[in-house]
Amino acid sequence: MHNEKDRLRVFDRSAIAQFYDETRSGYLQMRAYIRMLDYLRLLVLEYLQME
């Protein structure tokens, strides 16, 4: 069983940290994208109200 842990590297702290960093990076990019879309939505609404 110890060999399975070494092969899977699921229990390796560095593998978990790397996964967290990659996931966090993707999350931050997605959050920035959603904020930009929300900003553009508000600009369109404001433009439509001006007409």
N, C-alpha and C. Protein backbone atom coordinates (compact mmCIF):
# COMPACT_ATOMS: atom_id res chain seq x y z
N MET A 1 0.83 -1.21 0.00
CA MET A 1 0.00 0.00 0.00
C MET A 1 0.87 1.26 0.00
N HIS A 2 2.00 1.19 0.66
CA HIS A 2 2.88 2.36 0.69
C HIS A 2 3.35 2.71 -0.73
N ASN A 3 3.59 1.73 -1.56
CA ASN A 3 3.99 1.97 -2.94
C ASN A 3 2.90 2.65 -3.74
N GLU A 4 1.64 2.31 -3.45
CA GLU A 4 0.52 2.95 -4.15
C GLU A 4 0.48 4.45 -3.84
N LYS A 5 0.72 4.81 -2.59
CA LYS A 5 0.74 6.23 -2.22
C LYS A 5 1.85 6.98 -2.96
N ASP A 6 3.00 6.32 -3.07
CA ASP A 6 4.11 6.96 -3.77
C ASP A 6 3.80 7.14 -5.25
N ARG A 7 3.14 6.16 -5.85
CA ARG A 7 2.80 6.25 -7.27
C ARG A 7 1.72 7.30 -7.51
N LEU A 8 0.73 7.34 -6.68
CA LEU A 8 -0.37 8.28 -6.89
C LEU A 8 0.02 9.71 -6.55
N ARG A 9 0.91 9.87 -5.61
CA ARG A 9 1.36 11.16 -5.13
C ARG A 9 0.21 12.03 -4.64
N VAL A 10 -0.89 11.38 -4.28
CA VAL A 10 -2.04 12.12 -3.76
C VAL A 10 -1.76 12.63 -2.37
N PHE A 11 -0.97 11.88 -1.64
CA PHE A 11 -0.70 12.24 -0.26
C PHE A 11 0.56 13.08 -0.12
N ASP A 12 1.15 13.47 -1.21
CA ASP A 12 2.35 14.30 -1.20
C ASP A 12 1.93 15.76 -1.01
N ARG A 13 2.49 16.40 -0.02
CA ARG A 13 2.10 17.79 0.25
C ARG A 13 2.39 18.72 -0.92
N SER A 14 3.51 18.50 -1.60
CA SER A 14 3.86 19.38 -2.73
C SER A 14 2.85 19.22 -3.86
N ALA A 15 2.34 18.00 -4.07
CA ALA A 15 1.34 17.79 -5.12
C ALA A 15 0.04 18.50 -4.76
N ILE A 16 -0.34 18.46 -3.49
CA ILE A 16 -1.56 19.14 -3.04
C ILE A 16 -1.38 20.65 -3.16
N ALA A 17 -0.23 21.15 -2.76
CA ALA A 17 0.03 22.59 -2.85
C ALA A 17 0.02 23.05 -4.30
N GLN A 18 0.62 22.26 -5.18
CA GLN A 18 0.63 22.62 -6.60
C GLN A 18 -0.79 22.64 -7.17
N PHE A 19 -1.59 21.63 -6.81
CA PHE A 19 -2.98 21.59 -7.27
C PHE A 19 -3.74 22.81 -6.77
N TYR A 20 -3.55 23.18 -5.50
CA TYR A 20 -4.24 24.33 -4.93
C TYR A 20 -3.83 25.61 -5.66
N ASP A 21 -2.53 25.76 -5.92
CA ASP A 21 -2.06 26.97 -6.60
C ASP A 21 -2.63 27.07 -8.00
N GLU A 22 -2.67 25.95 -8.73
CA GLU A 22 -3.23 25.96 -10.08
C GLU A 22 -4.71 26.26 -10.05
N THR A 23 -5.43 25.68 -9.11
CA THR A 23 -6.87 25.91 -8.99
C THR A 23 -7.15 27.35 -8.60
N ARG A 24 -6.37 27.87 -7.66
CA ARG A 24 -6.56 29.25 -7.21
C ARG A 24 -6.30 30.22 -8.36
N SER A 25 -5.27 29.96 -9.14
CA SER A 25 -4.95 30.82 -10.27
C SER A 25 -6.13 30.85 -11.26
N GLY A 26 -6.66 29.68 -11.57
CA GLY A 26 -7.81 29.60 -12.47
C GLY A 26 -9.01 30.30 -11.89
N TYR A 27 -9.21 30.17 -10.58
CA TYR A 27 -10.33 30.84 -9.91
C TYR A 27 -10.18 32.35 -10.00
N LEU A 28 -8.99 32.85 -9.77
CA LEU A 28 -8.78 34.30 -9.81
C LEU A 28 -9.01 34.84 -11.21
N GLN A 29 -8.57 34.09 -12.23
CA GLN A 29 -8.80 34.52 -13.61
C GLN A 29 -10.29 34.52 -13.93
N MET A 30 -11.01 33.50 -13.48
CA MET A 30 -12.44 33.42 -13.73
C MET A 30 -13.17 34.56 -13.02
N ARG A 31 -12.77 34.85 -11.80
CA ARG A 31 -13.39 35.94 -11.05
C ARG A 31 -13.17 37.28 -11.75
N ALA A 32 -11.97 37.51 -12.26
CA ALA A 32 -11.68 38.75 -12.98
C ALA A 32 -12.51 38.83 -14.26
N TYR A 33 -12.67 37.72 -14.95
CA TYR A 33 -13.48 37.68 -16.18
C TYR A 33 -14.94 38.00 -15.87
N ILE A 34 -15.47 37.42 -14.81
CA ILE A 34 -16.87 37.68 -14.43
C ILE A 34 -17.05 39.14 -14.03
N ARG A 35 -16.10 39.70 -13.33
CA ARG A 35 -16.18 41.13 -12.98
C ARG A 35 -16.19 42.01 -14.22
N MET A 36 -15.36 41.66 -15.21
CA MET A 36 -15.32 42.43 -16.45
C MET A 36 -16.66 42.33 -17.17
N LEU A 37 -17.23 41.12 -17.23
CA LEU A 37 -18.54 40.97 -17.86
C LEU A 37 -19.61 41.78 -17.15
N ASP A 38 -19.57 41.80 -15.83
CA ASP A 38 -20.53 42.58 -15.07
C ASP A 38 -20.37 44.07 -15.35
N TYR A 39 -19.13 44.54 -15.44
CA TYR A 39 -18.86 45.94 -15.75
C TYR A 39 -19.41 46.29 -17.14
N LEU A 40 -19.17 45.42 -18.12
CA LEU A 40 -19.67 45.66 -19.47
C LEU A 40 -21.20 45.66 -19.49
N ARG A 41 -21.81 44.77 -18.71
CA ARG A 41 -23.27 44.73 -18.62
C ARG A 41 -23.81 46.05 -18.08
N LEU A 42 -23.17 46.58 -17.06
CA LEU A 42 -23.60 47.86 -16.50
C LEU A 42 -23.41 49.00 -17.49
N LEU A 43 -22.32 48.97 -18.26
CA LEU A 43 -22.12 50.00 -19.28
C LEU A 43 -23.21 49.94 -20.35
N VAL A 44 -23.59 48.76 -20.77
CA VAL A 44 -24.64 48.61 -21.78
C VAL A 44 -25.97 49.11 -21.22
N LEU A 45 -26.28 48.76 -19.98
CA LEU A 45 -27.53 49.24 -19.37
C LEU A 45 -27.55 50.77 -19.28
N GLU A 46 -26.42 51.33 -18.89
CA GLU A 46 -26.36 52.79 -18.80
C GLU A 46 -26.52 53.43 -20.18
N TYR A 47 -25.89 52.86 -21.18
CA TYR A 47 -26.01 53.37 -22.54
C TYR A 47 -27.45 53.29 -23.03
N LEU A 48 -28.12 52.19 -22.77
CA LEU A 48 -29.50 52.04 -23.20
C LEU A 48 -30.43 53.01 -22.49
N GLN A 49 -30.15 53.34 -21.26
CA GLN A 49 -30.98 54.29 -20.52
C GLN A 49 -30.77 55.71 -21.04
N MET A 50 -29.62 56.00 -21.61
CA MET A 50 -29.34 57.35 -22.11
C MET A 50 -30.09 57.63 -23.40
N GLU A 51 -30.46 56.60 -24.13
CA GLU A 51 -31.13 56.83 -25.42
C GLU A 51 -32.58 57.15 -25.25
